[in-house]
Amino acid sequence: MKEIRSIAREYFHHPYEDKLKIKLSASTGYRGYQRIGEHITKDTPDMHEAIDCYREVKHGIYGDLGEVMQGSNTRPSNPPNFKQLMEEYVDCCTGALLYYILF
């Protein structure tokens, strides 16, 4: 967890333009970066940055129902070990459908 928190902090200190390279959108299967205030909970903007990642859903596995969530997680290329650490983290979260990296 210390490594995850450290690498997340490193990523969130990058310039905004760099973070937008993995911006969350419908075309990314609702995975990726969200700036402060972009995520809404009960009609109130959340005051955190986040990278939303989900259990990867293979195309067609749930038919039309799962279409909106199909795809792979988007991860930054910098820091270089971000992807590896996040995959290890996800493996440790067995059974979790969603995880957030918050700062």
N, C-alpha and C. Protein backbone atom coordinates (compact mmCIF):
# COMPACT_ATOMS: atom_id res chain seq x y z
N MET A 1 0.82 -1.19 0.00
CA MET A 1 0.00 0.00 0.00
C MET A 1 0.86 1.26 0.00
N LYS A 2 2.00 1.18 0.70
CA LYS A 2 2.88 2.35 0.71
C LYS A 2 3.37 2.68 -0.69
N GLU A 3 3.71 1.65 -1.46
CA GLU A 3 4.17 1.87 -2.83
C GLU A 3 3.05 2.46 -3.70
N ILE A 4 1.83 1.95 -3.54
CA ILE A 4 0.69 2.45 -4.30
C ILE A 4 0.44 3.92 -3.98
N ARG A 5 0.43 4.25 -2.71
CA ARG A 5 0.21 5.66 -2.32
C ARG A 5 1.32 6.55 -2.85
N SER A 6 2.54 6.07 -2.78
CA SER A 6 3.68 6.86 -3.25
C SER A 6 3.61 7.11 -4.75
N ILE A 7 3.35 6.07 -5.51
CA ILE A 7 3.31 6.23 -6.97
C ILE A 7 2.09 7.04 -7.40
N ALA A 8 0.98 6.92 -6.68
CA ALA A 8 -0.19 7.73 -6.98
C ALA A 8 0.11 9.21 -6.73
N ARG A 9 0.73 9.50 -5.62
CA ARG A 9 1.10 10.90 -5.33
C ARG A 9 2.02 11.45 -6.41
N GLU A 10 2.97 10.64 -6.82
CA GLU A 10 3.88 11.06 -7.88
C GLU A 10 3.09 11.40 -9.15
N TYR A 11 2.17 10.53 -9.53
CA TYR A 11 1.36 10.77 -10.73
C TYR A 11 0.52 12.04 -10.59
N PHE A 12 -0.15 12.22 -9.46
CA PHE A 12 -1.04 13.36 -9.29
C PHE A 12 -0.30 14.69 -9.22
N HIS A 13 1.02 14.66 -9.04
CA HIS A 13 1.81 15.89 -9.07
C HIS A 13 2.23 16.26 -10.50
N HIS A 14 1.91 15.44 -11.46
CA HIS A 14 2.23 15.75 -12.86
C HIS A 14 1.37 16.90 -13.34
N PRO A 15 1.80 17.58 -14.40
CA PRO A 15 0.98 18.66 -14.98
C PRO A 15 -0.38 18.13 -15.45
N TYR A 16 -1.38 18.98 -15.37
CA TYR A 16 -2.75 18.62 -15.75
C TYR A 16 -2.80 18.07 -17.17
N GLU A 17 -2.05 18.67 -18.08
CA GLU A 17 -2.04 18.23 -19.48
C GLU A 17 -1.60 16.78 -19.61
N ASP A 18 -0.65 16.35 -18.78
CA ASP A 18 -0.19 14.96 -18.80
C ASP A 18 -1.29 14.02 -18.30
N LYS A 19 -2.00 14.44 -17.28
CA LYS A 19 -3.05 13.60 -16.71
C LYS A 19 -4.21 13.43 -17.69
N LEU A 20 -4.45 14.44 -18.51
CA LEU A 20 -5.54 14.37 -19.49
C LEU A 20 -5.31 13.29 -20.55
N LYS A 21 -4.08 12.81 -20.68
CA LYS A 21 -3.79 11.76 -21.67
C LYS A 21 -4.56 10.49 -21.38
N ILE A 22 -4.98 10.29 -20.13
CA ILE A 22 -5.78 9.10 -19.79
C ILE A 22 -7.13 9.52 -19.20
N LYS A 23 -7.71 10.60 -19.70
CA LYS A 23 -8.98 11.13 -19.20
C LYS A 23 -10.11 10.10 -19.32
N LEU A 24 -10.88 10.00 -18.26
CA LEU A 24 -12.06 9.13 -18.23
C LEU A 24 -13.08 9.62 -19.24
N SER A 25 -13.65 8.68 -19.99
CA SER A 25 -14.70 9.02 -20.95
C SER A 25 -15.48 7.75 -21.28
N ALA A 26 -16.57 7.92 -22.00
CA ALA A 26 -17.35 6.76 -22.45
C ALA A 26 -16.51 5.87 -23.35
N SER A 27 -15.67 6.47 -24.18
CA SER A 27 -14.86 5.69 -25.11
C SER A 27 -13.78 4.87 -24.41
N THR A 28 -13.45 5.21 -23.16
CA THR A 28 -12.47 4.43 -22.40
C THR A 28 -13.15 3.42 -21.48
N GLY A 29 -14.46 3.23 -21.64
CA GLY A 29 -15.19 2.32 -20.75
C GLY A 29 -15.32 2.90 -19.36
N TYR A 30 -15.34 4.22 -19.28
CA TYR A 30 -15.44 4.95 -18.01
C TYR A 30 -14.29 4.62 -17.08
N ARG A 31 -13.12 4.51 -17.67
CA ARG A 31 -11.89 4.30 -16.92
C ARG A 31 -10.98 5.50 -17.20
N GLY A 32 -10.17 5.86 -16.22
CA GLY A 32 -9.18 6.90 -16.44
C GLY A 32 -9.22 8.00 -15.40
N TYR A 33 -8.56 9.10 -15.74
CA TYR A 33 -8.34 10.22 -14.83
C TYR A 33 -9.57 11.12 -14.71
N GLN A 34 -9.84 11.55 -13.48
CA GLN A 34 -10.87 12.55 -13.20
C GLN A 34 -10.24 13.66 -12.37
N ARG A 35 -10.46 14.90 -12.78
CA ARG A 35 -9.92 16.04 -12.03
C ARG A 35 -10.79 16.32 -10.81
N ILE A 36 -10.33 17.19 -9.96
CA ILE A 36 -11.06 17.60 -8.76
C ILE A 36 -12.41 18.17 -9.17
N GLY A 37 -13.47 17.69 -8.52
CA GLY A 37 -14.81 18.18 -8.76
C GLY A 37 -15.54 17.54 -9.93
N GLU A 38 -14.86 16.68 -10.68
CA GLU A 38 -15.48 16.08 -11.85
C GLU A 38 -16.40 14.91 -11.51
N HIS A 39 -16.07 14.16 -10.48
CA HIS A 39 -16.91 13.04 -10.05
C HIS A 39 -18.00 13.58 -9.14
N ILE A 40 -19.23 13.17 -9.38
CA ILE A 40 -20.38 13.66 -8.62
C ILE A 40 -20.97 12.53 -7.79
N THR A 41 -21.17 12.78 -6.50
CA THR A 41 -21.82 11.83 -5.61
C THR A 41 -23.01 12.53 -4.96
N LYS A 42 -24.20 11.99 -5.18
CA LYS A 42 -25.43 12.57 -4.62
C LYS A 42 -25.52 14.06 -4.93
N ASP A 43 -25.32 14.40 -6.21
CA ASP A 43 -25.43 15.77 -6.71
C ASP A 43 -24.37 16.73 -6.16
N THR A 44 -23.30 16.21 -5.54
CA THR A 44 -22.25 17.05 -4.99
C THR A 44 -20.91 16.64 -5.60
N PRO A 45 -20.17 17.61 -6.16
CA PRO A 45 -18.85 17.28 -6.72
C PRO A 45 -17.89 16.79 -5.62
N ASP A 46 -17.18 15.72 -5.91
CA ASP A 46 -16.18 15.20 -4.99
C ASP A 46 -14.92 16.05 -5.08
N MET A 47 -14.26 16.27 -3.98
CA MET A 47 -13.08 17.12 -3.94
C MET A 47 -11.81 16.27 -3.91
N HIS A 48 -11.66 15.45 -4.94
CA HIS A 48 -10.45 14.65 -5.08
C HIS A 48 -10.17 14.40 -6.56
N GLU A 49 -8.90 14.10 -6.85
CA GLU A 49 -8.52 13.59 -8.16
C GLU A 49 -8.58 12.08 -8.06
N ALA A 50 -8.81 11.42 -9.18
CA ALA A 50 -8.89 9.96 -9.14
C ALA A 50 -8.52 9.37 -10.49
N ILE A 51 -8.08 8.13 -10.45
CA ILE A 51 -7.98 7.30 -11.64
C ILE A 51 -8.93 6.14 -11.39
N ASP A 52 -9.98 6.07 -12.19
CA ASP A 52 -10.96 4.99 -12.04
C ASP A 52 -10.51 3.79 -12.87
N CYS A 53 -10.51 2.64 -12.23
CA CYS A 53 -10.17 1.38 -12.89
C CYS A 53 -11.19 0.35 -12.45
N TYR A 54 -11.53 -0.53 -13.36
CA TYR A 54 -12.49 -1.59 -13.07
C TYR A 54 -11.88 -2.93 -13.45
N ARG A 55 -12.51 -3.98 -12.98
CA ARG A 55 -12.13 -5.29 -13.46
C ARG A 55 -12.34 -5.27 -14.96
N GLU A 56 -11.34 -5.70 -15.70
CA GLU A 56 -11.42 -5.63 -17.15
C GLU A 56 -12.49 -6.60 -17.66
N VAL A 57 -13.32 -6.11 -18.57
CA VAL A 57 -14.43 -6.86 -19.12
C VAL A 57 -14.16 -7.14 -20.59
N LYS A 58 -14.10 -8.42 -20.95
CA LYS A 58 -13.87 -8.79 -22.34
C LYS A 58 -15.08 -8.45 -23.18
N HIS A 59 -14.83 -8.02 -24.40
CA HIS A 59 -15.91 -7.66 -25.31
C HIS A 59 -16.88 -8.83 -25.51
N GLY A 60 -18.17 -8.55 -25.31
CA GLY A 60 -19.22 -9.53 -25.56
C GLY A 60 -19.52 -10.49 -24.43
N ILE A 61 -18.73 -10.50 -23.37
CA ILE A 61 -18.92 -11.50 -22.31
C ILE A 61 -20.29 -11.36 -21.62
N TYR A 62 -20.80 -10.13 -21.52
CA TYR A 62 -22.11 -9.90 -20.90
C TYR A 62 -23.15 -9.41 -21.92
N GLY A 63 -22.88 -9.60 -23.19
CA GLY A 63 -23.79 -9.14 -24.23
C GLY A 63 -23.93 -7.63 -24.20
N ASP A 64 -25.09 -7.15 -24.58
CA ASP A 64 -25.34 -5.71 -24.62
C ASP A 64 -25.28 -5.07 -23.24
N LEU A 65 -25.63 -5.82 -22.20
CA LEU A 65 -25.65 -5.30 -20.84
C LEU A 65 -24.28 -4.78 -20.41
N GLY A 66 -23.23 -5.47 -20.78
CA GLY A 66 -21.88 -5.09 -20.35
C GLY A 66 -21.14 -4.19 -21.30
N GLU A 67 -21.79 -3.83 -22.41
CA GLU A 67 -21.10 -3.07 -23.45
C GLU A 67 -20.48 -1.77 -22.95
N VAL A 68 -21.18 -1.05 -22.09
CA VAL A 68 -20.69 0.24 -21.62
C VAL A 68 -19.41 0.12 -20.80
N MET A 69 -19.18 -1.03 -20.16
CA MET A 69 -18.01 -1.20 -19.29
C MET A 69 -16.91 -2.05 -19.93
N GLN A 70 -17.05 -2.40 -21.19
CA GLN A 70 -16.04 -3.20 -21.87
C GLN A 70 -14.76 -2.40 -22.06
N GLY A 71 -13.66 -3.10 -21.99
CA GLY A 71 -12.39 -2.45 -22.29
C GLY A 71 -11.33 -2.73 -21.27
N SER A 72 -10.22 -2.06 -21.47
CA SER A 72 -9.06 -2.21 -20.60
C SER A 72 -8.86 -0.93 -19.80
N ASN A 73 -8.21 -1.07 -18.68
CA ASN A 73 -7.91 0.09 -17.86
C ASN A 73 -6.88 0.96 -18.55
N THR A 74 -7.05 2.27 -18.40
CA THR A 74 -6.07 3.21 -18.93
C THR A 74 -5.16 3.61 -17.79
N ARG A 75 -3.88 3.52 -18.06
CA ARG A 75 -2.90 3.85 -17.03
C ARG A 75 -1.83 4.75 -17.62
N PRO A 76 -1.26 5.61 -16.81
CA PRO A 76 -0.20 6.48 -17.32
C PRO A 76 1.07 5.69 -17.62
N SER A 77 1.85 6.20 -18.55
CA SER A 77 3.14 5.58 -18.85
C SER A 77 4.22 6.09 -17.90
N ASN A 78 3.93 7.16 -17.20
CA ASN A 78 4.89 7.74 -16.26
C ASN A 78 4.16 8.04 -14.96
N PRO A 79 4.59 7.52 -13.86
CA PRO A 79 5.80 6.78 -13.57
C PRO A 79 5.81 5.42 -14.25
N PRO A 80 7.00 4.96 -14.66
CA PRO A 80 7.11 3.75 -15.48
C PRO A 80 6.60 2.47 -14.80
N ASN A 81 6.64 2.36 -13.50
CA ASN A 81 6.21 1.13 -12.83
C ASN A 81 4.76 1.21 -12.35
N PHE A 82 4.02 2.22 -12.78
CA PHE A 82 2.63 2.40 -12.35
C PHE A 82 1.79 1.19 -12.71
N LYS A 83 1.85 0.76 -13.97
CA LYS A 83 1.03 -0.36 -14.43
C LYS A 83 1.31 -1.63 -13.62
N GLN A 84 2.57 -1.97 -13.43
CA GLN A 84 2.94 -3.18 -12.70
C GLN A 84 2.42 -3.13 -11.26
N LEU A 85 2.63 -2.02 -10.59
CA LEU A 85 2.17 -1.91 -9.20
C LEU A 85 0.65 -1.99 -9.11
N MET A 86 -0.05 -1.35 -10.05
CA MET A 86 -1.51 -1.39 -10.01
C MET A 86 -2.04 -2.80 -10.29
N GLU A 87 -1.40 -3.53 -11.19
CA GLU A 87 -1.83 -4.91 -11.44
C GLU A 87 -1.64 -5.77 -10.19
N GLU A 88 -0.54 -5.57 -9.49
CA GLU A 88 -0.31 -6.30 -8.24
C GLU A 88 -1.37 -5.91 -7.20
N TYR A 89 -1.69 -4.63 -7.14
CA TYR A 89 -2.71 -4.15 -6.21
C TYR A 89 -4.06 -4.77 -6.51
N VAL A 90 -4.44 -4.80 -7.77
CA VAL A 90 -5.72 -5.39 -8.17
C VAL A 90 -5.75 -6.86 -7.79
N ASP A 91 -4.65 -7.58 -8.00
CA ASP A 91 -4.58 -8.98 -7.61
C ASP A 91 -4.84 -9.16 -6.12
N CYS A 92 -4.41 -8.19 -5.32
CA CYS A 92 -4.62 -8.26 -3.87
C CYS A 92 -6.07 -7.93 -3.49
N CYS A 93 -6.78 -7.29 -4.38
CA CYS A 93 -8.17 -6.89 -4.11
C CYS A 93 -9.14 -7.90 -4.71
N THR A 94 -8.86 -9.15 -4.55
CA THR A 94 -9.71 -10.20 -5.11
C THR A 94 -11.16 -9.98 -4.71
N GLY A 95 -12.01 -10.04 -5.72
CA GLY A 95 -13.43 -9.87 -5.48
C GLY A 95 -13.90 -8.43 -5.60
N ALA A 96 -12.98 -7.48 -5.63
CA ALA A 96 -13.39 -6.08 -5.76
C ALA A 96 -13.64 -5.77 -7.23
N LEU A 97 -14.77 -5.16 -7.52
CA LEU A 97 -15.10 -4.81 -8.89
C LEU A 97 -14.53 -3.45 -9.29
N LEU A 98 -14.29 -2.61 -8.30
CA LEU A 98 -13.89 -1.25 -8.60
C LEU A 98 -12.84 -0.82 -7.58
N TYR A 99 -11.87 -0.10 -8.01
CA TYR A 99 -10.94 0.50 -7.08
C TYR A 99 -10.60 1.89 -7.56
N TYR A 100 -10.30 2.74 -6.63
CA TYR A 100 -9.96 4.12 -6.92
C TYR A 100 -8.56 4.41 -6.40
N ILE A 101 -7.90 5.31 -7.07
CA ILE A 101 -6.67 5.88 -6.54
C ILE A 101 -7.01 7.33 -6.28
N LEU A 102 -7.04 7.71 -5.04
CA LEU A 102 -7.45 9.06 -4.68
C LEU A 102 -6.27 9.84 -4.15
N PHE A 103 -6.33 11.12 -4.35
CA PHE A 103 -5.33 12.00 -3.78
C PHE A 103 -6.01 13.26 -3.31
